[in-house]
Amino acid sequence: MSRLYLIRHGKPASTWGEADEDPGLDEAGRAQAEAARDFLLSLPPADRPSRVVSSPLRRCRETAHPTAEALGVDVEIDPSVGEIPTPKALSAAERPAWLRGVFQGRWKDVVGDLDYDAWRREIVASLQARGDTAVFSHYVAINAVMSQLEEDERVLVFRPDHASISTLETDGASLTLVAKGREASTGVL
């Protein structure tokens, strides 16, 4: 079994629903990115990631950068671990209300342009194919993974704090939760 680390991005400079649709990290977020790097580098060599994968969004890329730099690898961009796709008919201003509704329901009931239950299964499948990797992702995508692993149909099953690191194992065909990362109150809801 290979270790996989699923990491929520650090604190962004602005939150969803504000003017910047792709914010980078604020000062606290940069410190969280460095703390994530330090934690990952403190692991026994056999458990350390050798690859770094990130969502395409800036807050994830910036959180991933210190770890990739310390490991001497490039950040691999993978849209499959990106943010939940917003329905095309919604404006950026309408996204927060849509997300609040999503958080109250089940994956099969999420209304949008795609099958969101299939979207969460695709994230899990992309992670199963990885080993010894640090994956920097988002609140909803991490919930997609956790709900699938826990066989819980609810969208919101976990409240990962910024830079929270959950540990998973994969044999290439299955994915197992070893330990959830730090949970905290968050501005997401």
Protein backbone atom coordinates (compact mmCIF):
# COMPACT_ATOMS: atom_id res chain seq x y z
CA MET A 1 0.00 0.00 0.00
CA SER A 2 1.18 3.49 -0.87
CA ARG A 3 0.48 6.57 1.21
CA LEU A 4 -1.44 9.47 -0.24
CA TYR A 5 -1.94 12.81 1.46
CA LEU A 6 -5.06 14.81 0.66
CA ILE A 7 -4.49 18.44 1.65
CA ARG A 8 -6.93 21.32 1.64
CA HIS A 9 -5.44 24.55 0.33
CA GLY A 10 -4.27 27.24 2.75
CA LYS A 11 -6.34 30.28 3.67
CA PRO A 12 -7.05 32.32 0.53
CA ALA A 13 -6.74 36.09 0.25
CA SER A 14 -10.49 36.27 -0.44
CA THR A 15 -13.41 33.88 -0.12
CA TRP A 16 -15.89 32.56 -2.64
CA GLY A 17 -18.46 35.11 -3.60
CA GLU A 18 -15.95 37.97 -3.46
CA ALA A 19 -14.49 39.80 -6.48
CA ASP A 20 -11.47 37.54 -7.13
CA GLU A 21 -12.68 34.20 -8.51
CA ASP A 22 -9.19 32.66 -8.27
CA PRO A 23 -7.47 34.16 -5.22
CA GLY A 24 -4.03 33.21 -4.05
CA LEU A 25 -3.07 32.74 -0.41
CA ASP A 26 -3.00 35.42 2.24
CA GLU A 27 -0.20 35.63 4.81
CA ALA A 28 -1.81 33.00 7.06
CA GLY A 29 -2.31 30.73 4.05
CA ARG A 30 1.36 31.00 3.09
CA ALA A 31 2.32 30.03 6.66
CA GLN A 32 -0.10 27.08 6.46
CA ALA A 33 1.49 25.96 3.17
CA GLU A 34 4.90 26.00 4.84
CA ALA A 35 3.54 24.07 7.84
CA ALA A 36 2.07 21.43 5.50
CA ARG A 37 5.47 21.14 3.81
CA ASP A 38 7.20 20.79 7.18
CA PHE A 39 4.78 18.08 8.29
CA LEU A 40 5.21 16.09 5.07
CA LEU A 41 9.00 16.38 5.24
CA SER A 42 8.99 15.24 8.87
CA LEU A 43 7.48 11.88 7.92
CA PRO A 44 9.69 8.80 7.81
CA PRO A 45 11.29 8.55 4.35
CA ALA A 46 9.15 5.53 3.43
CA ASP A 47 5.97 7.52 4.09
CA ARG A 48 6.99 10.81 2.42
CA PRO A 49 5.33 11.78 -0.84
CA SER A 50 7.51 11.74 -3.94
CA ARG A 51 4.99 13.56 -6.16
CA VAL A 52 2.95 16.73 -5.71
CA VAL A 53 -0.41 17.16 -7.47
CA SER A 54 -2.60 20.26 -7.35
CA SER A 55 -5.93 21.56 -8.49
CA PRO A 56 -5.47 24.18 -11.23
CA LEU A 57 -6.71 26.94 -8.93
CA ARG A 58 -4.17 29.39 -7.58
CA ARG A 59 -4.82 28.80 -3.86
CA CYS A 60 -3.99 25.10 -4.28
CA ARG A 61 -0.97 25.71 -6.51
CA GLU A 62 0.43 28.19 -4.00
CA THR A 63 -0.16 25.75 -1.13
CA ALA A 64 1.54 22.96 -3.07
CA HIS A 65 4.57 24.99 -4.13
CA PRO A 66 6.64 24.84 -0.89
CA THR A 67 6.27 21.05 -0.72
CA ALA A 68 7.18 20.57 -4.38
CA GLU A 69 10.18 22.88 -4.05
CA ALA A 70 11.44 21.04 -0.96
CA LEU A 71 11.05 17.66 -2.68
CA GLY A 72 12.68 18.94 -5.87
CA VAL A 73 9.70 18.06 -8.06
CA ASP A 74 7.28 20.00 -10.23
CA VAL A 75 3.68 20.56 -9.19
CA GLU A 76 1.53 18.39 -11.45
CA ILE A 77 -1.76 20.13 -12.28
CA ASP A 78 -4.79 17.84 -12.31
CA PRO A 79 -8.29 19.26 -12.91
CA SER A 80 -9.83 16.04 -11.53
CA VAL A 81 -8.95 17.20 -7.99
CA GLY A 82 -10.28 20.70 -8.66
CA GLU A 83 -13.19 22.61 -7.25
CA ILE A 84 -16.76 21.41 -7.76
CA PRO A 85 -17.97 22.69 -11.15
CA THR A 86 -20.59 25.42 -10.87
CA PRO A 87 -23.59 25.11 -13.20
CA LYS A 88 -22.97 27.24 -16.30
CA ALA A 89 -26.26 29.09 -15.84
CA LEU A 90 -25.09 30.54 -12.51
CA SER A 91 -23.05 33.71 -12.14
CA ALA A 92 -20.14 33.96 -9.72
CA ALA A 93 -22.44 35.96 -7.43
CA GLU A 94 -24.97 33.09 -7.40
CA ARG A 95 -22.36 30.41 -6.58
CA PRO A 96 -22.36 30.93 -2.77
CA ALA A 97 -26.13 30.35 -2.48
CA TRP A 98 -25.89 27.30 -4.77
CA LEU A 99 -23.05 25.86 -2.66
CA ARG A 100 -24.97 26.40 0.58
CA GLY A 101 -27.81 24.38 -0.92
CA VAL A 102 -25.41 21.68 -2.11
CA PHE A 103 -23.96 21.32 1.40
CA GLN A 104 -27.42 20.55 2.79
CA GLY A 105 -28.10 17.60 0.51
CA ARG A 106 -26.91 14.34 -0.98
CA TRP A 107 -24.61 13.88 -3.96
CA LYS A 108 -27.28 12.34 -6.17
CA ASP A 109 -29.53 15.38 -5.64
CA VAL A 110 -27.04 18.13 -6.58
CA VAL A 111 -28.52 20.14 -9.44
CA GLY A 112 -26.18 21.25 -12.20
CA ASP A 113 -24.69 20.47 -15.58
CA LEU A 114 -23.27 17.08 -14.68
CA ASP A 115 -23.79 14.01 -12.56
CA TYR A 116 -22.13 15.14 -9.32
CA ASP A 117 -22.33 11.67 -7.81
CA ALA A 118 -20.23 10.46 -10.77
CA TRP A 119 -17.92 13.47 -10.30
CA ARG A 120 -17.08 12.34 -6.76
CA ARG A 121 -16.42 8.78 -7.93
CA GLU A 122 -14.05 10.16 -10.60
CA ILE A 123 -12.05 12.00 -7.93
CA VAL A 124 -11.68 8.80 -5.92
CA ALA A 125 -10.66 6.88 -9.05
CA SER A 126 -7.99 9.48 -9.86
CA LEU A 127 -6.59 9.15 -6.33
CA GLN A 128 -6.59 5.34 -6.44
CA ALA A 129 -4.17 5.49 -9.35
CA ARG A 130 -1.65 7.55 -7.35
CA GLY A 131 0.80 6.51 -4.71
CA ASP A 132 3.25 8.39 -2.53
CA THR A 133 1.63 11.66 -3.55
CA ALA A 134 0.64 14.90 -1.83
CA VAL A 135 -2.62 16.09 -3.44
CA PHE A 136 -3.67 19.70 -2.84
CA SER A 137 -7.40 20.14 -3.31
CA HIS A 138 -10.57 21.86 -2.09
CA TYR A 139 -13.19 21.62 0.66
CA VAL A 140 -15.92 20.14 -1.54
CA ALA A 141 -13.60 17.78 -3.44
CA ILE A 142 -12.23 16.46 -0.14
CA ASN A 143 -15.82 15.92 1.04
CA ALA A 144 -16.48 14.04 -2.19
CA VAL A 145 -13.64 11.65 -1.33
CA MET A 146 -14.58 11.29 2.34
CA SER A 147 -18.25 10.66 1.61
CA GLN A 148 -17.34 7.98 -0.94
CA LEU A 149 -14.90 6.28 1.44
CA GLU A 150 -17.39 6.39 4.31
CA GLU A 151 -20.24 5.24 2.04
CA ASP A 152 -22.20 8.30 3.13
CA GLU A 153 -24.38 9.94 0.49
CA ARG A 154 -24.37 13.35 2.20
CA VAL A 155 -22.29 16.06 0.55
CA LEU A 156 -20.95 17.51 3.80
CA VAL A 157 -19.37 14.80 5.96
CA PHE A 158 -16.12 16.53 6.95
CA ARG A 159 -15.02 20.10 7.67
CA PRO A 160 -11.31 20.17 6.78
CA ASP A 161 -9.49 23.20 8.09
CA HIS A 162 -7.20 25.17 5.80
CA ALA A 163 -4.08 23.07 5.08
CA SER A 164 -5.65 20.07 6.83
CA ILE A 165 -3.85 16.86 5.82
CA SER A 166 -5.80 13.60 5.58
CA THR A 167 -3.89 10.36 5.12
CA LEU A 168 -5.08 7.70 2.70
CA GLU A 169 -3.63 4.45 1.39
CA THR A 170 -3.96 2.96 -2.06
CA ASP A 171 -2.92 -0.27 -3.71
CA GLY A 172 -3.79 1.10 -7.14
CA ALA A 173 -7.25 -0.47 -7.12
CA SER A 174 -8.74 0.69 -3.83
CA LEU A 175 -8.50 3.69 -1.55
CA THR A 176 -8.63 3.52 2.24
CA LEU A 177 -8.86 6.28 4.83
CA VAL A 178 -6.07 6.06 7.41
CA ALA A 179 -6.71 9.33 9.26
CA LYS A 180 -8.78 12.44 8.68
CA GLY A 181 -6.98 15.73 8.89
CA ARG A 182 -7.70 18.56 11.30
CA GLU A 183 -11.30 19.66 11.32
CA ALA A 184 -12.30 23.19 12.21
CA SER A 185 -14.95 25.82 11.96
CA THR A 186 -14.70 27.33 8.53
CA GLY A 187 -16.10 30.23 6.57
CA VAL A 188 -17.44 27.85 3.93
CA LEU A 189 -20.94 27.74 5.45
